[in-house]
Each structure stands twice: as structure tokens, then as C-alpha cells.
């Protein structure tokens, strides 16, 4: 749900007009919308480069993942790991566009521990991977853009940690 939809739905459910705080939130969101669209375009266009940087970083932190018997041993398993990186990067862009973290929570956090545990994927490795993905993404963004992006990656990492 976008921040716009959330504010309107909340006000409607309470049979009221949006309050001044909600209107200020909308004003802030709309004033940053063009910036958000530019950020999402950069992340989309640089996806392969971001994933390549993140994968190099994660395998430096956890070389045991690509060692014989590791979770990312061989081309097939490694490509599955990198597929998840692309999925999380895309999920972050949805949050950036909507201005909300609710979709990230519903799609990217709820049940993720159970899924990765059932697949034998170490959660710590996924948290480290999200951090590597964040750092790689920030390589292509200005400081101003980074401040918009960082909270979405951090939200995923925190959700996986809990």
C-alpha cells in the first residue's frame, strides 16, 4: 500500500479528513517523488552491476558458501543466491516508490526465516547479503539519494534479525 493510499484509508476508516500531520507527510512524499523515481531508475539500470559487487563482497565475507559443500557451491546454487539479490533489490525499489515499508514486510520479511531455514540457507548470510547489496547500491547513488534508500535495506536486515 502506498503512503497516499494508507493515509486516505486511515482517514476514511475513522470518518475524518486527513489531519495536518498526514497532509505534511503527503507534501513531503510528493516533493520527493521525482527524486524517488530517479533513484529507482538508477537501481533498475545498474541491477547487474550492483548484484555483481554484492556477490563479490558476500563471498569475501563468507568464502565457505562457495567452497565444496557450501550453500552457493557451483553455478546453479550461486545463480539461485543471486536471483534472491535481484528480488530484494526490486523489493526495495517498490518501497522507495510507495514511500512505505508495508509491502517489504509482507513480501520480504514475513515467513522469510522459515523459508530460508527450510532450504538450509543461513539467515546470518542473508542479512550480510542484504548489507552487501545495500553497500553496492549506494556506490551508484549520491549521499542525498542514499538517505532515501538506506532505511529500506535496513528494514529488511532488521526484519530478518528478529
N, C-alpha and C. Protein backbone atom coordinates (compact mmCIF):
# COMPACT_ATOMS: atom_id res chain seq x y z
N UNK A 1 0.85 -1.16 0.00
CA UNK A 1 0.00 0.00 0.00
C UNK A 1 0.90 1.23 0.00
N UNK A 2 0.59 2.20 -0.83
CA UNK A 2 1.39 3.42 -0.86
C UNK A 2 1.03 4.30 0.33
N UNK A 3 1.89 5.25 0.59
CA UNK A 3 1.64 6.16 1.70
C UNK A 3 0.36 6.95 1.45
N UNK A 4 0.09 7.28 0.19
CA UNK A 4 -1.13 8.01 -0.17
C UNK A 4 -2.36 7.17 0.17
N UNK A 5 -2.35 5.93 -0.29
CA UNK A 5 -3.47 5.02 -0.03
C UNK A 5 -3.65 4.81 1.47
N UNK A 6 -2.55 4.64 2.18
CA UNK A 6 -2.63 4.40 3.62
C UNK A 6 -3.27 5.58 4.34
N UNK A 7 -2.85 6.79 4.03
CA UNK A 7 -3.40 7.98 4.70
C UNK A 7 -4.89 8.14 4.39
N UNK A 8 -5.24 7.96 3.13
CA UNK A 8 -6.65 8.09 2.75
C UNK A 8 -7.49 7.00 3.41
N UNK A 9 -7.00 5.78 3.40
CA UNK A 9 -7.73 4.66 4.01
C UNK A 9 -7.91 4.86 5.51
N UNK A 10 -6.83 5.27 6.18
CA UNK A 10 -6.92 5.51 7.62
C UNK A 10 -7.94 6.60 7.94
N UNK A 11 -7.89 7.71 7.19
CA UNK A 11 -8.84 8.80 7.43
C UNK A 11 -10.27 8.33 7.15
N UNK A 12 -10.46 7.61 6.07
CA UNK A 12 -11.80 7.14 5.72
C UNK A 12 -12.33 6.16 6.76
N UNK A 13 -11.49 5.26 7.23
CA UNK A 13 -11.91 4.30 8.26
C UNK A 13 -12.37 5.00 9.54
N UNK A 14 -11.78 6.17 9.80
CA UNK A 14 -12.13 6.93 11.00
C UNK A 14 -13.14 8.04 10.70
N UNK A 15 -13.67 8.06 9.47
CA UNK A 15 -14.67 9.05 9.03
C UNK A 15 -14.23 10.48 9.30
N UNK A 16 -13.00 10.79 8.85
CA UNK A 16 -12.45 12.11 9.06
C UNK A 16 -11.62 12.53 7.86
N UNK A 17 -11.26 13.80 7.84
CA UNK A 17 -10.35 14.30 6.83
C UNK A 17 -8.92 13.99 7.29
N UNK A 18 -7.98 13.91 6.36
CA UNK A 18 -6.58 13.75 6.80
C UNK A 18 -6.18 14.92 7.69
N UNK A 19 -5.45 14.61 8.77
CA UNK A 19 -5.02 15.67 9.69
C UNK A 19 -3.78 16.38 9.13
N UNK A 20 -3.37 17.43 9.83
CA UNK A 20 -2.26 18.25 9.35
C UNK A 20 -0.97 17.44 9.25
N UNK A 21 -0.75 16.55 10.20
CA UNK A 21 0.45 15.71 10.14
C UNK A 21 0.46 14.81 8.91
N UNK A 22 -0.69 14.25 8.60
CA UNK A 22 -0.81 13.38 7.41
C UNK A 22 -0.63 14.20 6.14
N UNK A 23 -1.20 15.39 6.11
CA UNK A 23 -1.04 16.25 4.93
C UNK A 23 0.41 16.66 4.75
N UNK A 24 1.10 16.93 5.85
CA UNK A 24 2.53 17.26 5.77
C UNK A 24 3.33 16.06 5.26
N UNK A 25 2.95 14.88 5.70
CA UNK A 25 3.61 13.65 5.22
C UNK A 25 3.42 13.52 3.72
N UNK A 26 2.20 13.77 3.25
CA UNK A 26 1.93 13.70 1.81
C UNK A 26 2.72 14.76 1.05
N UNK A 27 2.78 15.95 1.59
CA UNK A 27 3.53 17.02 0.93
C UNK A 27 5.01 16.63 0.80
N UNK A 28 5.56 16.09 1.87
CA UNK A 28 6.95 15.65 1.85
C UNK A 28 7.15 14.53 0.83
N UNK A 29 6.23 13.58 0.83
CA UNK A 29 6.31 12.46 -0.11
C UNK A 29 6.27 12.97 -1.55
N UNK A 30 5.30 13.83 -1.86
CA UNK A 30 5.18 14.32 -3.24
C UNK A 30 6.38 15.17 -3.64
N UNK A 31 6.94 15.92 -2.70
CA UNK A 31 8.10 16.74 -3.05
C UNK A 31 9.34 15.88 -3.32
N UNK A 32 9.35 14.66 -2.80
CA UNK A 32 10.50 13.77 -3.03
C UNK A 32 10.23 12.74 -4.12
N UNK A 33 9.05 12.78 -4.73
CA UNK A 33 8.67 11.74 -5.69
C UNK A 33 9.59 11.70 -6.91
N UNK A 34 9.93 12.85 -7.46
CA UNK A 34 10.81 12.87 -8.62
C UNK A 34 12.17 12.25 -8.27
N UNK A 35 12.67 12.59 -7.08
CA UNK A 35 13.94 12.04 -6.61
C UNK A 35 13.84 10.51 -6.47
N UNK A 36 12.70 10.04 -5.96
CA UNK A 36 12.48 8.60 -5.79
C UNK A 36 12.46 7.89 -7.14
N UNK A 37 11.84 8.50 -8.12
CA UNK A 37 11.78 7.90 -9.46
C UNK A 37 13.19 7.82 -10.07
N UNK A 38 13.98 8.84 -9.88
CA UNK A 38 15.37 8.82 -10.37
C UNK A 38 16.16 7.71 -9.69
N UNK A 39 16.00 7.57 -8.38
CA UNK A 39 16.71 6.52 -7.64
C UNK A 39 16.32 5.14 -8.15
N UNK A 40 15.04 4.91 -8.30
CA UNK A 40 14.57 3.61 -8.78
C UNK A 40 15.11 3.34 -10.19
N UNK A 41 15.16 4.35 -11.03
CA UNK A 41 15.71 4.18 -12.38
C UNK A 41 17.18 3.80 -12.32
N UNK A 42 17.93 4.42 -11.44
CA UNK A 42 19.36 4.09 -11.30
C UNK A 42 19.51 2.65 -10.83
N UNK A 43 18.77 2.27 -9.79
CA UNK A 43 18.89 0.90 -9.27
C UNK A 43 18.47 -0.13 -10.32
N UNK A 44 17.43 0.17 -11.06
CA UNK A 44 16.99 -0.72 -12.13
C UNK A 44 18.08 -0.86 -13.20
N UNK A 45 18.61 0.26 -13.64
CA UNK A 45 19.59 0.24 -14.72
C UNK A 45 20.93 -0.36 -14.30
N UNK A 46 21.26 -0.28 -13.03
CA UNK A 46 22.54 -0.78 -12.52
C UNK A 46 22.40 -2.13 -11.82
N UNK A 47 21.25 -2.77 -11.95
CA UNK A 47 20.98 -4.01 -11.21
C UNK A 47 22.10 -5.04 -11.35
N UNK A 48 22.52 -5.34 -12.55
CA UNK A 48 23.55 -6.37 -12.75
C UNK A 48 24.87 -5.99 -12.10
N UNK A 49 25.24 -4.72 -12.22
CA UNK A 49 26.49 -4.26 -11.60
C UNK A 49 26.39 -4.31 -10.08
N UNK A 50 25.24 -3.93 -9.55
CA UNK A 50 25.02 -3.96 -8.10
C UNK A 50 25.12 -5.39 -7.58
N UNK A 51 24.45 -6.30 -8.26
CA UNK A 51 24.47 -7.71 -7.84
C UNK A 51 25.88 -8.28 -7.94
N UNK A 52 26.61 -7.91 -8.97
CA UNK A 52 27.99 -8.39 -9.12
C UNK A 52 28.86 -7.91 -7.96
N UNK A 53 28.75 -6.63 -7.62
CA UNK A 53 29.53 -6.09 -6.49
C UNK A 53 29.12 -6.75 -5.17
N UNK A 54 27.82 -6.90 -4.98
CA UNK A 54 27.32 -7.51 -3.73
C UNK A 54 27.76 -8.96 -3.61
N UNK A 55 27.73 -9.69 -4.72
CA UNK A 55 28.11 -11.11 -4.66
C UNK A 55 29.60 -11.26 -4.36
N UNK A 56 30.41 -10.41 -4.94
CA UNK A 56 31.85 -10.46 -4.62
C UNK A 56 32.07 -10.18 -3.14
N UNK A 57 31.34 -9.21 -2.62
CA UNK A 57 31.50 -8.83 -1.21
C UNK A 57 31.05 -9.94 -0.27
N UNK A 58 29.90 -10.55 -0.56
CA UNK A 58 29.39 -11.59 0.35
C UNK A 58 30.30 -12.81 0.35
N UNK A 59 30.87 -13.15 -0.81
CA UNK A 59 31.72 -14.34 -0.86
C UNK A 59 33.11 -14.06 -0.28
N UNK A 60 33.46 -12.79 -0.11
CA UNK A 60 34.67 -12.46 0.65
C UNK A 60 34.42 -12.63 2.15
N UNK A 61 33.21 -12.23 2.56
CA UNK A 61 32.83 -12.37 3.97
C UNK A 61 32.64 -13.83 4.33
N UNK A 62 31.98 -14.57 3.44
CA UNK A 62 31.64 -15.98 3.68
C UNK A 62 32.17 -16.86 2.53
N UNK A 63 33.48 -17.05 2.44
CA UNK A 63 34.00 -17.88 1.36
C UNK A 63 33.53 -19.34 1.46
N UNK A 64 33.11 -19.74 2.65
CA UNK A 64 32.62 -21.12 2.83
C UNK A 64 31.35 -21.38 2.02
N UNK A 65 30.64 -20.34 1.61
CA UNK A 65 29.41 -20.54 0.83
C UNK A 65 29.71 -21.07 -0.57
N UNK A 66 30.86 -20.67 -1.13
CA UNK A 66 31.19 -21.14 -2.48
C UNK A 66 32.18 -22.30 -2.46
N UNK A 67 32.61 -22.68 -1.27
CA UNK A 67 33.51 -23.83 -1.12
C UNK A 67 32.71 -25.12 -1.35
N UNK A 68 33.38 -26.23 -1.62
CA UNK A 68 32.66 -27.50 -1.78
C UNK A 68 31.75 -27.78 -0.58
N UNK A 69 30.50 -28.07 -0.89
CA UNK A 69 29.51 -28.34 0.15
C UNK A 69 28.80 -27.09 0.65
N UNK A 70 29.20 -25.91 0.17
CA UNK A 70 28.60 -24.65 0.61
C UNK A 70 27.25 -24.39 -0.05
N UNK A 71 26.52 -23.47 0.53
CA UNK A 71 25.18 -23.15 0.03
C UNK A 71 25.18 -22.57 -1.38
N UNK A 72 26.28 -21.96 -1.79
CA UNK A 72 26.37 -21.36 -3.13
C UNK A 72 27.43 -22.05 -3.98
N UNK A 73 27.68 -23.32 -3.67
CA UNK A 73 28.66 -24.10 -4.43
C UNK A 73 28.14 -24.34 -5.83
N UNK A 74 28.96 -24.09 -6.81
CA UNK A 74 28.59 -24.36 -8.20
C UNK A 74 27.73 -23.26 -8.80
N UNK A 75 27.67 -23.27 -10.11
CA UNK A 75 26.98 -22.21 -10.84
C UNK A 75 25.48 -22.18 -10.56
N UNK A 76 24.85 -23.34 -10.45
CA UNK A 76 23.39 -23.38 -10.26
C UNK A 76 22.99 -22.79 -8.91
N UNK A 77 23.65 -23.23 -7.83
CA UNK A 77 23.33 -22.71 -6.50
C UNK A 77 23.67 -21.23 -6.38
N UNK A 78 24.79 -20.85 -6.99
CA UNK A 78 25.20 -19.44 -6.95
C UNK A 78 24.18 -18.57 -7.67
N UNK A 79 23.67 -19.04 -8.79
CA UNK A 79 22.67 -18.25 -9.53
C UNK A 79 21.38 -18.11 -8.75
N UNK A 80 21.03 -19.12 -7.94
CA UNK A 80 19.84 -19.00 -7.09
C UNK A 80 20.03 -17.93 -6.02
N UNK A 81 21.22 -17.87 -5.46
CA UNK A 81 21.52 -16.83 -4.47
C UNK A 81 21.42 -15.44 -5.10
N UNK A 82 21.99 -15.31 -6.27
CA UNK A 82 21.99 -14.02 -6.94
C UNK A 82 20.59 -13.63 -7.41
N UNK A 83 19.76 -14.61 -7.71
CA UNK A 83 18.37 -14.34 -8.07
C UNK A 83 17.67 -13.67 -6.89
N UNK A 84 17.94 -14.15 -5.67
CA UNK A 84 17.35 -13.53 -4.49
C UNK A 84 17.83 -12.09 -4.33
N UNK A 85 19.10 -11.82 -4.66
CA UNK A 85 19.59 -10.45 -4.59
C UNK A 85 18.78 -9.54 -5.50
N UNK A 86 18.53 -9.99 -6.71
CA UNK A 86 17.72 -9.20 -7.65
C UNK A 86 16.32 -8.97 -7.12
N UNK A 87 15.78 -10.01 -6.49
CA UNK A 87 14.42 -9.91 -5.94
C UNK A 87 14.39 -8.89 -4.81
N UNK A 88 15.37 -8.92 -3.90
CA UNK A 88 15.40 -7.96 -2.80
C UNK A 88 15.64 -6.54 -3.31
N UNK A 89 16.49 -6.37 -4.30
CA UNK A 89 16.72 -5.05 -4.86
C UNK A 89 15.43 -4.49 -5.45
N UNK A 90 14.71 -5.32 -6.17
CA UNK A 90 13.43 -4.91 -6.75
C UNK A 90 12.44 -4.56 -5.64
N UNK A 91 12.41 -5.34 -4.58
CA UNK A 91 11.51 -5.10 -3.46
C UNK A 91 11.82 -3.74 -2.81
N UNK A 92 13.09 -3.40 -2.68
CA UNK A 92 13.49 -2.10 -2.15
C UNK A 92 12.96 -0.99 -3.05
N UNK A 93 13.03 -1.17 -4.36
CA UNK A 93 12.54 -0.12 -5.26
C UNK A 93 11.03 0.08 -5.10
N UNK A 94 10.30 -0.99 -4.83
CA UNK A 94 8.86 -0.85 -4.60
C UNK A 94 8.61 0.00 -3.35
N UNK A 95 9.39 -0.24 -2.31
CA UNK A 95 9.26 0.55 -1.10
C UNK A 95 9.60 2.02 -1.34
N UNK A 96 10.65 2.26 -2.10
CA UNK A 96 11.06 3.63 -2.40
C UNK A 96 9.93 4.35 -3.14
N UNK A 97 9.35 3.69 -4.12
CA UNK A 97 8.27 4.32 -4.89
C UNK A 97 7.03 4.56 -4.05
N UNK A 98 6.66 3.59 -3.23
CA UNK A 98 5.43 3.72 -2.46
C UNK A 98 5.60 4.60 -1.23
N UNK A 99 6.84 4.76 -0.77
CA UNK A 99 7.08 5.53 0.45
C UNK A 99 6.72 4.77 1.71
N UNK A 100 6.51 3.48 1.58
CA UNK A 100 6.09 2.63 2.70
C UNK A 100 6.94 1.38 2.77
N UNK A 101 6.97 0.78 3.95
CA UNK A 101 7.71 -0.47 4.13
C UNK A 101 6.78 -1.67 4.27
N UNK A 102 5.48 -1.42 4.23
CA UNK A 102 4.50 -2.48 4.45
C UNK A 102 4.64 -3.63 3.44
N UNK A 103 4.80 -3.30 2.17
CA UNK A 103 4.95 -4.35 1.15
C UNK A 103 6.23 -5.15 1.39
N UNK A 104 7.30 -4.45 1.75
CA UNK A 104 8.55 -5.14 2.05
C UNK A 104 8.34 -6.12 3.20
N UNK A 105 7.61 -5.68 4.21
CA UNK A 105 7.35 -6.56 5.35
C UNK A 105 6.53 -7.77 4.93
N UNK A 106 5.47 -7.54 4.19
CA UNK A 106 4.57 -8.63 3.80
C UNK A 106 5.25 -9.63 2.86
N UNK A 107 5.99 -9.11 1.90
CA UNK A 107 6.55 -9.98 0.86
C UNK A 107 7.97 -10.44 1.19
N UNK A 108 8.75 -9.59 1.85
CA UNK A 108 10.16 -9.88 2.02
C UNK A 108 10.61 -10.28 3.40
N UNK A 109 9.74 -10.15 4.39
CA UNK A 109 10.19 -10.45 5.75
C UNK A 109 9.34 -11.54 6.41
N UNK A 110 8.04 -11.38 6.34
CA UNK A 110 7.16 -12.36 6.99
C UNK A 110 7.36 -13.73 6.35
N UNK A 111 7.76 -14.67 7.13
CA UNK A 111 7.95 -16.03 6.64
C UNK A 111 9.31 -16.31 6.03
N UNK A 112 10.15 -15.26 5.88
CA UNK A 112 11.42 -15.46 5.20
C UNK A 112 12.35 -16.36 6.02
N UNK A 113 12.35 -16.21 7.35
CA UNK A 113 13.21 -17.07 8.17
C UNK A 113 12.85 -18.53 7.99
N UNK A 114 11.55 -18.80 8.02
CA UNK A 114 11.10 -20.18 7.86
C UNK A 114 11.49 -20.74 6.49
N UNK A 115 11.32 -19.90 5.47
CA UNK A 115 11.67 -20.35 4.12
C UNK A 115 13.16 -20.66 4.01
N UNK A 116 14.00 -19.70 4.45
CA UNK A 116 15.44 -19.92 4.34
C UNK A 116 15.89 -21.08 5.23
N UNK A 117 15.33 -21.19 6.43
CA UNK A 117 15.67 -22.33 7.30
C UNK A 117 15.30 -23.65 6.64
N UNK A 118 14.13 -23.71 6.01
CA UNK A 118 13.72 -24.96 5.35
C UNK A 118 14.62 -25.30 4.17
N UNK A 119 15.22 -24.29 3.56
CA UNK A 119 16.13 -24.52 2.43
C UNK A 119 17.58 -24.70 2.88
N UNK A 120 17.83 -24.54 4.18
CA UNK A 120 19.18 -24.67 4.70
C UNK A 120 20.06 -23.47 4.42
N UNK A 121 19.43 -22.31 4.19
CA UNK A 121 20.18 -21.08 3.92
C UNK A 121 20.38 -20.36 5.25
N UNK A 122 21.64 -20.06 5.61
CA UNK A 122 21.90 -19.38 6.88
C UNK A 122 21.32 -17.96 6.87
N UNK A 123 20.51 -17.63 7.86
CA UNK A 123 19.91 -16.30 7.96
C UNK A 123 21.00 -15.23 8.10
N UNK A 124 22.03 -15.52 8.88
CA UNK A 124 23.12 -14.55 9.03
C UNK A 124 23.72 -14.20 7.66
N UNK A 125 23.87 -15.19 6.82
CA UNK A 125 24.39 -14.95 5.48
C UNK A 125 23.47 -14.07 4.64
N UNK A 126 22.16 -14.25 4.80
CA UNK A 126 21.21 -13.40 4.08
C UNK A 126 21.26 -11.97 4.61
N UNK A 127 21.39 -11.82 5.91
CA UNK A 127 21.49 -10.48 6.49
C UNK A 127 22.77 -9.80 5.98
N UNK A 128 23.87 -10.53 5.98
CA UNK A 128 25.12 -10.00 5.43
C UNK A 128 24.95 -9.69 3.94
N UNK A 129 24.24 -10.54 3.24
CA UNK A 129 24.00 -10.32 1.81
C UNK A 129 23.20 -9.06 1.55
N UNK A 130 22.19 -8.80 2.37
CA UNK A 130 21.40 -7.57 2.22
C UNK A 130 22.29 -6.36 2.48
N UNK A 131 23.17 -6.46 3.47
CA UNK A 131 24.09 -5.36 3.75
C UNK A 131 25.04 -5.13 2.56
N UNK A 132 25.52 -6.21 1.97
CA UNK A 132 26.38 -6.09 0.78
C UNK A 132 25.61 -5.48 -0.38
N UNK A 133 24.37 -5.85 -0.53
CA UNK A 133 23.51 -5.32 -1.59
C UNK A 133 23.28 -3.82 -1.36
N UNK A 134 23.07 -3.44 -0.12
CA UNK A 134 22.89 -2.02 0.21
C UNK A 134 24.15 -1.23 -0.15
N UNK A 135 25.30 -1.73 0.32
CA UNK A 135 26.56 -1.02 0.05
C UNK A 135 26.85 -0.92 -1.44
N UNK A 136 26.57 -1.98 -2.17
CA UNK A 136 26.78 -1.96 -3.63
C UNK A 136 25.84 -0.96 -4.29
N UNK A 137 24.60 -0.90 -3.84
CA UNK A 137 23.64 0.05 -4.40
C UNK A 137 24.07 1.48 -4.15
N UNK A 138 24.58 1.74 -2.94
CA UNK A 138 24.98 3.10 -2.58
C UNK A 138 26.16 3.60 -3.41
N UNK A 139 26.91 2.67 -4.00
CA UNK A 139 28.03 3.05 -4.87
C UNK A 139 27.55 3.89 -6.06
N UNK A 140 26.31 3.73 -6.45
CA UNK A 140 25.77 4.38 -7.64
C UNK A 140 24.89 5.58 -7.32
N UNK A 141 24.79 5.92 -6.03
CA UNK A 141 23.89 6.99 -5.60
C UNK A 141 24.63 8.09 -4.87
N UNK A 142 24.07 9.28 -4.92
CA UNK A 142 24.63 10.40 -4.16
C UNK A 142 24.26 10.23 -2.69
N UNK A 143 24.88 11.03 -1.83
CA UNK A 143 24.55 10.97 -0.40
C UNK A 143 23.08 11.28 -0.15
N UNK A 144 22.57 12.25 -0.87
CA UNK A 144 21.16 12.63 -0.74
C UNK A 144 20.24 11.46 -1.13
N UNK A 145 20.58 10.79 -2.22
CA UNK A 145 19.80 9.63 -2.66
C UNK A 145 19.95 8.47 -1.69
N UNK A 146 21.15 8.30 -1.16
CA UNK A 146 21.42 7.20 -0.23
C UNK A 146 20.56 7.29 1.02
N UNK A 147 20.29 8.51 1.46
CA UNK A 147 19.49 8.68 2.67
C UNK A 147 18.05 8.22 2.47
N UNK A 148 17.59 8.21 1.24
CA UNK A 148 16.24 7.70 0.94
C UNK A 148 16.26 6.18 0.87
N UNK A 149 17.31 5.61 0.33
CA UNK A 149 17.40 4.17 0.08
C UNK A 149 17.73 3.35 1.33
N UNK A 150 18.66 3.84 2.11
CA UNK A 150 19.20 3.09 3.25
C UNK A 150 18.13 2.52 4.19
N UNK A 151 17.11 3.29 4.58
CA UNK A 151 16.13 2.73 5.52
C UNK A 151 15.40 1.48 5.01
N UNK A 152 15.25 1.34 3.73
CA UNK A 152 14.55 0.17 3.19
C UNK A 152 15.41 -1.09 3.31
N UNK A 153 16.70 -0.97 3.00
CA UNK A 153 17.61 -2.11 3.19
C UNK A 153 17.72 -2.45 4.68
N UNK A 154 17.85 -1.42 5.52
CA UNK A 154 17.97 -1.65 6.95
C UNK A 154 16.72 -2.33 7.51
N UNK A 155 15.56 -1.97 6.99
CA UNK A 155 14.30 -2.58 7.43
C UNK A 155 14.30 -4.08 7.14
N UNK A 156 14.81 -4.46 5.96
CA UNK A 156 14.88 -5.88 5.62
C UNK A 156 15.84 -6.60 6.55
N UNK A 157 17.02 -6.03 6.75
CA UNK A 157 18.03 -6.64 7.64
C UNK A 157 17.48 -6.80 9.05
N UNK A 158 16.86 -5.77 9.57
CA UNK A 158 16.30 -5.84 10.92
C UNK A 158 15.19 -6.88 11.00
N UNK A 159 14.36 -6.94 9.97
CA UNK A 159 13.28 -7.92 9.95
C UNK A 159 13.80 -9.34 9.94
N UNK A 160 14.89 -9.58 9.23
CA UNK A 160 15.49 -10.92 9.20
C UNK A 160 16.16 -11.25 10.53
N UNK A 161 16.64 -10.21 11.23
CA UNK A 161 17.34 -10.41 12.50
C UNK A 161 16.40 -10.78 13.64
N UNK A 162 15.18 -10.31 13.56
CA UNK A 162 14.22 -10.53 14.67
C UNK A 162 13.68 -11.94 14.68
